[in-house]
Amino acid sequence: MNAIEFPWLTAIILLPLVAALAIPLIPDKEGRTVRWYGLGVAIADFALMIYAFWYKYDFQSSTLQLVENYPWVPQLGLHWAVGVDGLSMPLLLLTGLINTLAIFAAWKVTTKPRLFYGLMLAMYSAQLGVFVAQDLLLFFLMWEIELVPVYLLISIWGGQNRRYAATKFILYTAAASIFILIAGFAMAFSGDTVTFDMAALGMKEYPKTLELLVYAGFLIAFGVKLPIFPLHTWLPDAHGEASAPGSMILAGVLLKMGGYALIRFNVEMLPNAHVTFAPVLAVLGVVNIVYGACCAFAQTNLKRRLAYSSIAHMGFVLIGIASYTELGISGAVLQMVSHGLIAASLFFLSGVTYDRTHTLMMDKMGGMAKVMPKTFALFTIGSMASLALPGMSGFVGELMVFLGIATSDVYSSSFKVVVVLLSAVGVILTPIYLLSMLRQVFYGEQSQELHLDAVISDVKPREIFITACLLLPIIGIGFYPKLATQTYDVKAVELAAHARQVLPVVAHQQPSSLYSRIFSTPTLANSQVESSINISE
């Protein structure tokens, strides 16, 4: 097989899984060989990913690339169909980076190291499969495989209430997966042909009621993973009990799977139903932002505060998806990439802090900047990025979403004003709860209950390296956003045009009073529909 025919995506997906299956054969008693093996596999897979995209991927094309399609289980219509485009490629790189750093962050794991690193690699493989799957059954299979390692990582290596948190996680996510299966089968069996090919499913014409129900099913399923209020309650518990590497992957990758799937399925494959649900997504985004910020401020547990912060930041993704503008959709993707880097760095640093203090309760900390100045500096940089300080990636992502919804010609002025103003409330609350977190943990007098490790008082070179690998792209994207946006700009333009082209027709078919108050008459330069249709009538 020559280089042109080499199955790059299959190799990228299967390498961690095959390597995980070989771990029981490695002669190792204390776990030292296994951890180097796991890290080496992760680095090799990430390097393979970078090589494939650098030399084989065309950034100016919005079509699927590196496509592979092999019959797998013909009796079920299951194909090993994978491909990558501008929507999935940056998230694949994010997944590779965070999983590699998470394995490096788990250097001190001594309890069942074979099982731990095996689960980490298997989870890594399944996450990659979710982002590249082009067959609905394959997507569902990868989505489900990813749940089991996360459950075990929390329940075995988590905190005091790890079993409760792990059980809650698996119940929420497994129950939500049922909606993917039902909605997917409804799409597959609709019409004259039965297919699970996602491109073919996107080209089908569905009855109006069926498309709305399918959209709602996907919204529930992916809304749990994003997470969307009120389907979010598993996340603070999972973060509060998960180890630092587990939290890095939870915040950095798992939440992004929900946002990616919303764009891939709900926007790209069900554009007619998206017209009806888009304002709902915008409202839910506002609720996520304000509710998450308020709840974060009320938390005394460090990781739970960061977990609610993640809920708030994912609200911007929802608003960007609902914006119907290239800028808004681009901002949503950038927000996912940015938040993945920022949240992974903050959860890793919270793990560093816990290793020294053996507590996550902020009211039991204080004065730690004196004994952990490097940790304080890194934590401050990560917090500044999270509160969207100019020069950081968080600022660019949120600004693009705000501009995307504010300049949208689809919504009425009053609706846009309400969305922007309420979202701004969350932006104001974010520095309040993050700066108060820094104050409680690092300033003031050291708590008498705090017993710092006298030998290891500050971050080690390994921990500085992990944090730097996350903070450098955050700052780089902040000063030069094109580092990230050039990977998906063409796809964002296509997604916005694809969503907008059905807007006038569907809106004209639903002239309800509520709809007419929310939407205005859109200007669609590329639409084939008569521009004289007045949606506001």
Protein backbone atom coordinates (compact mmCIF):
# COMPACT_ATOMS: atom_id res chain seq x y z
CA MET A 1 0.00 0.00 0.00
CA ASN A 2 1.53 3.34 -1.00
CA ALA A 3 1.38 6.59 0.94
CA ILE A 4 -1.63 7.90 -1.00
CA GLU A 5 -3.73 4.87 -0.10
CA PHE A 6 -2.65 4.68 3.51
CA PRO A 7 -5.72 4.71 5.82
CA TRP A 8 -4.65 7.64 7.94
CA LEU A 9 -7.82 8.06 10.00
CA THR A 10 -8.20 4.34 10.66
CA ALA A 11 -4.62 4.21 11.90
CA ILE A 12 -5.14 7.27 14.09
CA ILE A 13 -8.28 5.79 15.66
CA LEU A 14 -7.10 2.22 16.13
CA LEU A 15 -3.53 2.85 17.31
CA PRO A 16 -4.50 3.75 20.93
CA LEU A 17 -7.06 0.90 21.10
CA VAL A 18 -4.69 -1.77 19.81
CA ALA A 19 -1.96 -0.45 22.11
CA ALA A 20 -4.36 -0.64 25.07
CA LEU A 21 -5.07 -4.31 24.32
CA ALA A 22 -1.33 -5.03 24.47
CA ILE A 23 -0.85 -3.53 27.95
CA PRO A 24 -1.51 -6.83 29.85
CA LEU A 25 1.44 -8.36 27.98
CA ILE A 26 3.91 -5.75 29.21
CA PRO A 27 6.16 -7.06 32.04
CA ASP A 28 5.83 -4.42 34.72
CA LYS A 29 5.19 -4.60 38.47
CA GLU A 30 5.21 -0.98 39.65
CA GLY A 31 3.62 0.66 36.61
CA ARG A 32 6.69 2.60 35.45
CA THR A 33 6.99 0.83 32.13
CA VAL A 34 3.24 1.03 31.51
CA ARG A 35 3.08 4.79 32.02
CA TRP A 36 5.97 5.39 29.61
CA TYR A 37 4.30 3.04 27.17
CA GLY A 38 0.97 4.88 27.44
CA LEU A 39 2.63 8.26 27.00
CA GLY A 40 4.64 7.01 24.04
CA VAL A 41 1.52 5.71 22.30
CA ALA A 42 -0.33 8.98 22.88
CA ILE A 43 2.57 11.04 21.54
CA ALA A 44 2.94 8.76 18.51
CA ASP A 45 -0.76 9.03 17.70
CA PHE A 46 -0.74 12.80 18.10
CA ALA A 47 2.33 13.04 15.86
CA LEU A 48 0.64 10.84 13.25
CA MET A 49 -2.39 13.11 13.40
CA ILE A 50 -0.31 16.25 12.86
CA TYR A 51 1.59 14.66 9.97
CA ALA A 52 -1.58 13.50 8.22
CA PHE A 53 -3.27 16.89 8.49
CA TRP A 54 -0.18 18.86 7.58
CA TYR A 55 0.56 16.94 4.40
CA LYS A 56 -2.77 15.41 3.39
CA TYR A 57 -5.40 17.95 4.44
CA ASP A 58 -6.51 20.90 2.29
CA PHE A 59 -7.49 23.85 4.50
CA GLN A 60 -9.27 25.58 1.60
CA SER A 61 -11.77 22.76 1.07
CA SER A 62 -15.00 22.32 3.03
CA THR A 63 -15.61 18.77 1.81
CA LEU A 64 -14.79 15.58 3.69
CA GLN A 65 -11.16 14.57 3.29
CA LEU A 66 -9.09 11.46 4.06
CA VAL A 67 -12.33 9.55 3.49
CA GLU A 68 -12.35 5.79 4.11
CA ASN A 69 -15.38 3.56 3.65
CA TYR A 70 -15.26 -0.19 4.22
CA PRO A 71 -18.19 -2.59 4.70
CA TRP A 72 -18.01 -3.81 8.30
CA VAL A 73 -21.24 -5.64 9.14
CA PRO A 74 -23.17 -5.66 5.84
CA GLN A 75 -26.14 -7.46 7.39
CA LEU A 76 -26.74 -4.44 9.63
CA GLY A 77 -25.69 -1.88 7.06
CA LEU A 78 -22.74 -0.91 9.28
CA HIS A 79 -19.79 0.61 7.47
CA TRP A 80 -16.42 1.71 8.76
CA ALA A 81 -16.90 5.14 7.22
CA VAL A 82 -14.64 7.92 8.44
CA GLY A 83 -13.69 11.35 7.15
CA VAL A 84 -12.56 14.72 8.40
CA ASP A 85 -13.49 18.31 7.53
CA GLY A 86 -13.10 21.77 9.01
CA LEU A 87 -15.56 21.06 11.79
CA SER A 88 -13.90 17.91 13.08
CA MET A 89 -10.22 18.55 12.32
CA PRO A 90 -9.51 21.19 15.02
CA LEU A 91 -11.40 19.11 17.58
CA LEU A 92 -9.33 16.06 16.64
CA LEU A 93 -6.14 18.00 17.31
CA LEU A 94 -7.60 19.26 20.60
CA THR A 95 -8.45 15.67 21.57
CA GLY A 96 -4.95 14.49 20.74
CA LEU A 97 -3.26 17.25 22.72
CA ILE A 98 -5.41 16.99 25.84
CA ASN A 99 -5.36 13.20 26.02
CA THR A 100 -1.59 13.15 25.63
CA LEU A 101 -1.16 15.73 28.38
CA ALA A 102 -3.72 13.98 30.60
CA ILE A 103 -1.73 10.73 30.39
CA PHE A 104 1.42 12.70 31.27
CA ALA A 105 -0.48 14.32 34.15
CA ALA A 106 -1.32 10.88 35.56
CA TRP A 107 2.32 10.17 36.35
CA LYS A 108 1.65 9.44 40.03
CA VAL A 109 -1.06 6.83 39.47
CA THR A 110 0.03 3.67 41.28
CA THR A 111 -3.33 1.98 41.82
CA LYS A 112 -3.96 -0.57 39.05
CA PRO A 113 -1.75 1.27 36.53
CA ARG A 114 -2.33 -1.28 33.75
CA LEU A 115 -6.08 -0.81 33.92
CA PHE A 116 -5.78 2.97 34.23
CA TYR A 117 -3.61 3.50 31.16
CA GLY A 118 -5.54 0.89 29.21
CA LEU A 119 -8.76 2.77 29.88
CA MET A 120 -7.16 6.10 29.00
CA LEU A 121 -6.00 4.80 25.62
CA ALA A 122 -9.32 3.08 24.86
CA MET A 123 -11.19 6.28 25.71
CA TYR A 124 -8.80 8.26 23.52
CA SER A 125 -9.55 5.98 20.59
CA ALA A 126 -13.33 6.24 21.02
CA GLN A 127 -13.23 10.04 21.25
CA LEU A 128 -11.33 10.24 17.97
CA GLY A 129 -13.89 7.91 16.42
CA VAL A 130 -16.77 10.19 17.42
CA PHE A 131 -15.27 13.17 15.58
CA VAL A 132 -14.53 11.33 12.31
CA ALA A 133 -17.42 8.82 12.05
CA GLN A 134 -19.51 9.26 8.90
CA ASP A 135 -21.80 6.30 9.57
CA LEU A 136 -24.55 6.83 12.14
CA LEU A 137 -24.16 3.38 13.70
CA LEU A 138 -20.38 3.83 13.89
CA PHE A 139 -20.91 7.22 15.53
CA PHE A 140 -23.25 5.68 18.09
CA LEU A 141 -20.84 2.82 18.75
CA MET A 142 -17.93 5.18 19.40
CA TRP A 143 -20.15 7.42 21.54
CA GLU A 144 -21.08 4.44 23.74
CA ILE A 145 -17.59 2.95 23.96
CA GLU A 146 -16.31 6.26 25.32
CA LEU A 147 -18.74 6.14 28.28
CA VAL A 148 -17.37 2.97 29.90
CA PRO A 149 -13.76 4.16 30.47
CA VAL A 150 -15.00 7.48 31.88
CA TYR A 151 -17.27 5.64 34.32
CA LEU A 152 -14.46 3.37 35.50
CA LEU A 153 -11.91 6.19 35.73
CA ILE A 154 -14.22 8.11 38.06
CA SER A 155 -15.45 5.15 40.11
CA ILE A 156 -11.99 3.65 40.73
CA TRP A 157 -9.60 6.64 40.85
CA GLY A 158 -12.03 9.34 41.98
CA GLY A 159 -12.64 11.01 45.33
CA GLN A 160 -14.64 10.04 48.38
CA ASN A 161 -18.04 10.13 46.61
CA ARG A 162 -16.69 8.70 43.36
CA ARG A 163 -19.23 5.89 43.05
CA TYR A 164 -22.17 8.25 43.33
CA ALA A 165 -20.66 10.64 40.77
CA ALA A 166 -19.75 7.81 38.37
CA THR A 167 -23.21 6.24 38.63
CA LYS A 168 -24.88 9.59 38.02
CA PHE A 169 -22.66 10.17 35.01
CA ILE A 170 -23.42 6.80 33.41
CA LEU A 171 -27.16 7.06 34.09
CA TYR A 172 -27.44 10.51 32.51
CA THR A 173 -25.27 9.80 29.49
CA ALA A 174 -26.50 6.25 28.82
CA ALA A 175 -30.14 7.35 29.06
CA ALA A 176 -29.41 10.23 26.68
CA SER A 177 -27.80 7.83 24.21
CA ILE A 178 -31.17 6.13 23.75
CA PHE A 179 -32.38 9.31 22.05
CA ILE A 180 -29.47 9.12 19.57
CA LEU A 181 -30.45 5.57 18.67
CA ILE A 182 -34.16 6.29 18.31
CA ALA A 183 -33.67 9.51 16.35
CA GLY A 184 -31.02 7.89 14.18
CA PHE A 185 -33.22 4.93 13.28
CA ALA A 186 -36.10 7.29 12.52
CA MET A 187 -33.89 9.10 10.01
CA ALA A 188 -32.45 5.90 8.56
CA PHE A 189 -35.83 4.28 7.89
CA SER A 190 -37.55 7.43 6.66
CA GLY A 191 -38.30 7.50 2.94
CA ASP A 192 -37.80 4.83 0.32
CA THR A 193 -34.22 3.90 1.18
CA VAL A 194 -32.64 2.66 4.40
CA THR A 195 -29.18 4.05 5.03
CA PHE A 196 -26.95 4.99 7.94
CA ASP A 197 -24.58 7.08 5.84
CA MET A 198 -24.62 10.53 7.40
CA ALA A 199 -24.17 12.36 4.09
CA ALA A 200 -27.14 10.50 2.62
CA LEU A 201 -29.21 11.15 5.74
CA GLY A 202 -28.51 14.87 5.42
CA MET A 203 -29.87 14.87 1.86
CA LYS A 204 -33.14 13.14 2.71
CA GLU A 205 -36.44 15.02 2.86
CA TYR A 206 -38.23 14.36 6.15
CA PRO A 207 -41.84 15.06 7.13
CA LYS A 208 -42.03 18.25 9.16
CA THR A 209 -43.21 16.60 12.39
CA LEU A 210 -40.64 13.81 12.15
CA GLU A 211 -37.78 16.26 11.62
CA LEU A 212 -38.83 18.30 14.64
CA LEU A 213 -39.02 15.18 16.82
CA VAL A 214 -35.66 13.92 15.59
CA TYR A 215 -34.10 17.33 16.23
CA ALA A 216 -35.54 17.35 19.76
CA GLY A 217 -34.18 13.85 20.41
CA PHE A 218 -30.69 14.81 19.30
CA LEU A 219 -30.90 18.03 21.30
CA ILE A 220 -31.63 16.07 24.49
CA ALA A 221 -28.90 13.51 23.80
CA PHE A 222 -26.20 16.01 22.94
CA GLY A 223 -27.49 18.53 25.48
CA VAL A 224 -26.63 16.14 28.29
CA LYS A 225 -23.03 15.92 27.11
CA LEU A 226 -22.61 19.66 26.36
CA PRO A 227 -24.24 20.14 29.02
CA ILE A 228 -27.41 22.25 28.64
CA PHE A 229 -29.55 23.34 31.58
CA PRO A 230 -31.38 21.44 33.11
CA LEU A 231 -29.48 18.33 31.90
CA HIS A 232 -26.24 19.45 33.52
CA THR A 233 -26.37 18.16 37.10
CA TRP A 234 -24.04 15.21 36.48
CA LEU A 235 -21.14 17.48 35.53
CA PRO A 236 -20.32 19.20 38.88
CA ASP A 237 -20.45 15.83 40.67
CA ALA A 238 -18.25 14.16 38.06
CA HIS A 239 -15.68 16.96 38.15
CA GLY A 240 -15.76 17.16 41.92
CA GLU A 241 -14.83 13.48 42.27
CA ALA A 242 -12.72 12.78 39.16
CA SER A 243 -8.94 12.83 39.31
CA ALA A 244 -7.13 15.70 37.61
CA PRO A 245 -6.45 13.75 34.37
CA GLY A 246 -10.10 12.68 34.27
CA SER A 247 -11.30 16.24 34.74
CA MET A 248 -8.95 17.45 32.01
CA ILE A 249 -10.57 15.06 29.54
CA LEU A 250 -14.10 15.68 30.82
CA ALA A 251 -13.85 19.44 30.34
CA GLY A 252 -11.43 19.49 27.44
CA VAL A 253 -12.94 16.84 25.17
CA LEU A 254 -16.22 15.29 26.37
CA LEU A 255 -18.17 18.55 26.48
CA LYS A 256 -16.94 19.37 22.98
CA MET A 257 -18.41 16.13 21.69
CA GLY A 258 -21.85 17.51 22.52
CA GLY A 259 -21.21 20.81 20.75
CA TYR A 260 -19.71 19.09 17.71
CA ALA A 261 -22.67 16.71 17.42
CA LEU A 262 -25.17 19.57 17.68
CA ILE A 263 -23.57 21.27 14.69
CA ARG A 264 -23.02 18.07 12.71
CA PHE A 265 -26.49 16.59 13.21
CA ASN A 266 -28.90 19.35 14.19
CA VAL A 267 -27.59 22.17 12.01
CA GLU A 268 -26.03 20.36 9.06
CA MET A 269 -28.44 17.43 8.69
CA LEU A 270 -31.71 18.95 9.98
CA PRO A 271 -31.67 22.59 8.79
CA ASN A 272 -35.47 22.86 8.46
CA ALA A 273 -36.06 21.95 12.10
CA HIS A 274 -33.16 24.20 13.12
CA VAL A 275 -35.24 27.20 12.05
CA THR A 276 -37.78 26.35 14.74
CA PHE A 277 -35.26 25.42 17.43
CA ALA A 278 -32.60 28.10 16.81
CA PRO A 279 -34.18 30.72 19.11
CA VAL A 280 -34.61 27.98 21.72
CA LEU A 281 -30.88 27.29 21.54
CA ALA A 282 -30.15 31.00 21.95
CA VAL A 283 -32.38 31.19 25.03
CA LEU A 284 -30.83 28.03 26.50
CA GLY A 285 -27.40 29.52 25.86
CA VAL A 286 -28.32 32.62 27.84
CA VAL A 287 -29.68 30.46 30.66
CA ASN A 288 -26.47 28.42 30.71
CA ILE A 289 -24.34 31.55 30.91
CA VAL A 290 -26.25 33.29 33.70
CA TYR A 291 -27.17 30.17 35.67
CA GLY A 292 -23.68 28.67 35.43
CA ALA A 293 -22.04 31.92 36.54
CA CYS A 294 -24.39 32.35 39.51
CA CYS A 295 -23.92 28.74 40.63
CA ALA A 296 -20.15 28.99 40.22
CA PHE A 297 -20.05 31.97 42.55
CA ALA A 298 -21.89 29.96 45.23
CA GLN A 299 -19.43 27.02 45.22
CA THR A 300 -16.81 26.55 47.94
CA ASN A 301 -15.31 23.47 46.26
CA LEU A 302 -12.60 24.52 43.80
CA LYS A 303 -13.38 21.95 41.10
CA ARG A 304 -17.14 22.39 41.38
CA ARG A 305 -16.68 26.12 40.82
CA LEU A 306 -14.69 25.39 37.68
CA ALA A 307 -17.33 22.85 36.60
CA TYR A 308 -20.12 25.42 36.76
CA SER A 309 -17.83 27.82 34.93
CA SER A 310 -17.67 25.25 32.11
CA ILE A 311 -21.47 25.15 31.98
CA ALA A 312 -21.53 28.93 31.61
CA HIS A 313 -18.91 28.95 28.86
CA MET A 314 -20.74 26.31 26.86
CA GLY A 315 -23.68 28.73 26.68
CA PHE A 316 -21.69 30.78 24.18
CA VAL A 317 -21.43 27.71 21.94
CA LEU A 318 -25.23 27.44 21.88
CA ILE A 319 -25.65 31.12 21.00
CA GLY A 320 -23.07 30.85 18.22
CA ILE A 321 -24.81 27.80 16.77
CA ALA A 322 -28.13 29.67 16.82
CA SER A 323 -26.76 32.85 15.23
CA TYR A 324 -27.14 31.88 11.55
CA THR A 325 -23.96 33.82 10.79
CA GLU A 326 -20.51 32.70 9.68
CA LEU A 327 -18.97 34.73 12.49
CA GLY A 328 -21.22 33.17 15.13
CA ILE A 329 -20.64 29.58 14.02
CA SER A 330 -16.91 30.24 13.73
CA GLY A 331 -17.00 31.71 17.24
CA ALA A 332 -18.81 28.63 18.56
CA VAL A 333 -16.09 26.33 17.20
CA LEU A 334 -13.34 28.60 18.50
CA GLN A 335 -15.06 28.73 21.89
CA MET A 336 -15.00 24.94 22.04
CA VAL A 337 -11.30 24.80 21.20
CA SER A 338 -10.47 27.67 23.53
CA HIS A 339 -12.48 26.36 26.46
CA GLY A 340 -10.98 22.91 26.01
CA LEU A 341 -7.49 24.33 26.48
CA ILE A 342 -8.43 26.70 29.30
CA ALA A 343 -10.53 24.23 31.29
CA ALA A 344 -7.92 21.49 30.95
CA SER A 345 -5.23 23.82 32.33
CA LEU A 346 -7.38 24.98 35.27
CA PHE A 347 -8.48 21.48 36.24
CA PHE A 348 -4.89 20.25 36.02
CA LEU A 349 -3.72 23.08 38.27
CA SER A 350 -6.55 22.33 40.70
CA GLY A 351 -5.18 18.79 40.83
CA VAL A 352 -1.70 20.18 41.52
CA THR A 353 -3.17 22.25 44.34
CA TYR A 354 -5.00 19.24 45.76
CA ASP A 355 -1.81 17.14 45.74
CA ARG A 356 -0.19 19.73 48.04
CA THR A 357 -3.12 20.64 50.29
CA HIS A 358 -5.22 17.44 50.21
CA THR A 359 -8.37 19.53 50.06
CA LEU A 360 -10.52 21.21 47.42
CA MET A 361 -12.43 23.42 49.84
CA MET A 362 -11.42 27.01 49.21
CA ASP A 363 -12.41 28.16 52.69
CA LYS A 364 -9.71 25.83 54.05
CA MET A 365 -7.00 27.35 51.88
CA GLY A 366 -5.46 30.80 51.79
CA GLY A 367 -2.04 32.38 51.63
CA MET A 368 -0.74 29.78 49.22
CA ALA A 369 0.87 32.32 46.89
CA LYS A 370 3.68 32.66 49.41
CA VAL A 371 4.65 28.99 49.30
CA MET A 372 3.49 28.17 45.75
CA PRO A 373 4.31 31.28 43.68
CA LYS A 374 4.70 29.41 40.39
CA THR A 375 1.38 27.65 40.82
CA PHE A 376 -0.21 31.00 41.66
CA ALA A 377 1.21 32.57 38.48
CA LEU A 378 0.01 29.73 36.25
CA PHE A 379 -3.41 29.64 37.92
CA THR A 380 -3.74 33.39 37.41
CA ILE A 381 -2.94 33.14 33.69
CA GLY A 382 -5.49 30.36 33.26
CA SER A 383 -8.13 32.34 35.16
CA MET A 384 -7.47 35.45 33.07
CA ALA A 385 -8.00 33.38 29.94
CA SER A 386 -11.24 31.97 31.34
CA LEU A 387 -12.64 35.42 32.14
CA ALA A 388 -11.91 36.45 28.53
CA LEU A 389 -9.04 38.86 29.07
CA PRO A 390 -8.02 40.51 25.76
CA GLY A 391 -4.98 38.75 24.36
CA MET A 392 -6.33 35.34 25.36
CA SER A 393 -8.28 32.87 23.23
CA GLY A 394 -11.35 33.13 25.46
CA PHE A 395 -11.78 36.78 24.56
CA VAL A 396 -11.68 36.09 20.82
CA GLY A 397 -14.18 33.24 21.00
CA GLU A 398 -16.73 35.12 23.10
CA LEU A 399 -16.32 38.30 21.05
CA MET A 400 -16.99 36.41 17.82
CA VAL A 401 -20.15 34.89 19.28
CA PHE A 402 -21.39 38.28 20.51
CA LEU A 403 -20.73 39.89 17.14
CA GLY A 404 -22.26 36.93 15.33
CA ILE A 405 -25.59 37.13 17.14
CA ALA A 406 -25.61 40.95 17.26
CA THR A 407 -25.09 41.31 13.50
CA SER A 408 -27.46 38.51 12.54
CA ASP A 409 -30.12 39.69 10.12
CA VAL A 410 -32.33 36.75 11.03
CA TYR A 411 -33.56 37.82 14.45
CA SER A 412 -35.52 40.87 15.48
CA SER A 413 -33.66 43.71 17.16
CA SER A 414 -35.47 43.23 20.46
CA PHE A 415 -34.57 39.53 20.60
CA LYS A 416 -30.92 40.24 19.87
CA VAL A 417 -30.77 42.99 22.50
CA VAL A 418 -32.19 40.68 25.17
CA VAL A 419 -29.79 37.85 24.28
CA VAL A 420 -26.73 40.11 24.22
CA LEU A 421 -27.57 41.98 27.43
CA LEU A 422 -28.34 38.86 29.46
CA SER A 423 -25.23 37.13 28.13
CA ALA A 424 -23.23 40.19 29.16
CA VAL A 425 -24.45 39.64 32.72
CA GLY A 426 -22.67 36.31 32.71
CA VAL A 427 -19.55 37.94 31.31
CA ILE A 428 -19.60 40.39 34.22
CA LEU A 429 -20.09 37.61 36.79
CA THR A 430 -17.23 35.51 35.40
CA PRO A 431 -14.35 37.70 36.64
CA ILE A 432 -16.13 38.07 39.97
CA TYR A 433 -16.19 34.35 40.79
CA LEU A 434 -12.79 33.64 39.24
CA LEU A 435 -10.98 36.49 40.98
CA SER A 436 -12.66 35.63 44.27
CA MET A 437 -11.43 32.05 43.75
CA LEU A 438 -7.87 33.31 43.37
CA ARG A 439 -8.30 35.49 46.45
CA GLN A 440 -9.58 32.66 48.63
CA VAL A 441 -6.94 30.16 47.53
CA PHE A 442 -3.79 32.27 47.20
CA TYR A 443 -4.23 35.50 49.18
CA GLY A 444 -4.74 36.30 52.83
CA GLU A 445 -3.56 34.23 55.75
CA GLN A 446 -2.91 30.54 55.44
CA SER A 447 -5.61 28.42 57.08
CA GLN A 448 -4.59 26.63 60.26
CA GLU A 449 -6.16 23.46 58.88
CA LEU A 450 -3.90 23.57 55.83
CA HIS A 451 -0.90 21.24 56.04
CA LEU A 452 1.34 21.76 53.03
CA ASP A 453 3.80 19.10 51.98
CA ALA A 454 7.17 20.38 53.18
CA VAL A 455 9.10 18.48 50.53
CA ILE A 456 7.03 19.32 47.43
CA SER A 457 5.83 22.89 47.83
CA ASP A 458 5.48 24.10 44.26
CA VAL A 459 5.04 22.86 40.73
CA LYS A 460 7.63 20.54 39.28
CA PRO A 461 9.12 20.88 35.78
CA ARG A 462 6.78 18.15 34.49
CA GLU A 463 3.75 20.08 35.75
CA ILE A 464 5.05 23.37 34.35
CA PHE A 465 5.55 21.70 30.98
CA ILE A 466 1.98 20.32 30.91
CA THR A 467 0.50 23.69 31.84
CA ALA A 468 2.70 25.53 29.34
CA CYS A 469 1.55 23.23 26.52
CA LEU A 470 -2.00 24.39 27.24
CA LEU A 471 -1.33 28.06 27.96
CA LEU A 472 0.89 28.75 24.95
CA PRO A 473 -1.81 28.01 22.35
CA ILE A 474 -4.30 29.98 24.49
CA ILE A 475 -2.08 33.05 24.26
CA GLY A 476 -1.11 32.35 20.65
CA ILE A 477 -4.75 32.16 19.52
CA GLY A 478 -5.53 35.26 21.58
CA PHE A 479 -2.98 37.35 19.70
CA TYR A 480 -3.37 35.63 16.32
CA PRO A 481 -6.79 33.91 16.09
CA LYS A 482 -6.06 32.73 12.55
CA LEU A 483 -3.92 29.98 14.09
CA ALA A 484 -7.20 28.23 14.86
CA THR A 485 -9.79 29.82 12.59
CA GLN A 486 -7.96 29.05 9.33
CA THR A 487 -8.57 25.35 9.95
CA TYR A 488 -12.35 25.70 9.74
CA ASP A 489 -13.22 29.10 8.16
CA VAL A 490 -14.33 27.56 4.87
CA LYS A 491 -16.52 25.03 6.68
CA ALA A 492 -18.11 27.74 8.84
CA VAL A 493 -19.08 29.68 5.70
CA GLU A 494 -20.64 26.55 4.21
CA LEU A 495 -22.54 25.71 7.41
CA ALA A 496 -23.99 29.21 7.69
CA ALA A 497 -25.07 29.23 4.05
CA HIS A 498 -26.54 25.74 4.36
CA ALA A 499 -28.58 26.71 7.42
CA ARG A 500 -29.77 30.01 5.96
CA GLN A 501 -30.93 28.74 2.57
CA VAL A 502 -34.02 27.05 4.03
CA LEU A 503 -34.88 29.86 6.43
CA PRO A 504 -37.36 31.93 4.37
CA VAL A 505 -39.39 28.92 3.23
CA VAL A 506 -39.71 27.33 6.65
CA ALA A 507 -40.41 30.67 8.31
CA HIS A 508 -43.14 31.42 5.78
CA GLN A 509 -44.74 28.09 6.63
CA GLN A 510 -44.76 28.90 10.36
CA PRO A 511 -46.16 32.45 10.64
CA SER A 512 -47.03 32.15 14.33
CA SER A 513 -47.15 35.24 16.49
CA LEU A 514 -44.21 34.08 18.61
CA TYR A 515 -42.12 33.32 15.56
CA SER A 516 -42.84 36.67 13.97
CA ARG A 517 -41.77 38.51 17.13
CA ILE A 518 -38.44 36.68 17.27
CA PHE A 519 -37.45 36.68 13.60
CA SER A 520 -37.05 39.52 11.16
CA THR A 521 -36.76 39.43 7.40
CA PRO A 522 -33.34 37.89 6.58
CA THR A 523 -31.23 39.09 3.69
CA LEU A 524 -30.03 35.99 1.88
CA ALA A 525 -27.77 36.89 -1.00
CA ASN A 526 -27.26 33.30 -2.08
CA SER A 527 -30.77 32.05 -1.48
CA GLN A 528 -32.84 30.74 -4.35
CA VAL A 529 -35.99 31.73 -2.52
CA GLU A 530 -37.79 34.92 -3.40
CA SER A 531 -36.53 37.70 -1.15
CA SER A 532 -40.01 39.16 -1.02
CA ILE A 533 -41.14 36.63 1.60
CA ASN A 534 -41.63 38.62 4.76
CA ILE A 535 -41.07 36.40 7.77
CA SER A 536 -42.27 39.01 10.20
CA GLU A 537 -45.74 39.08 8.74
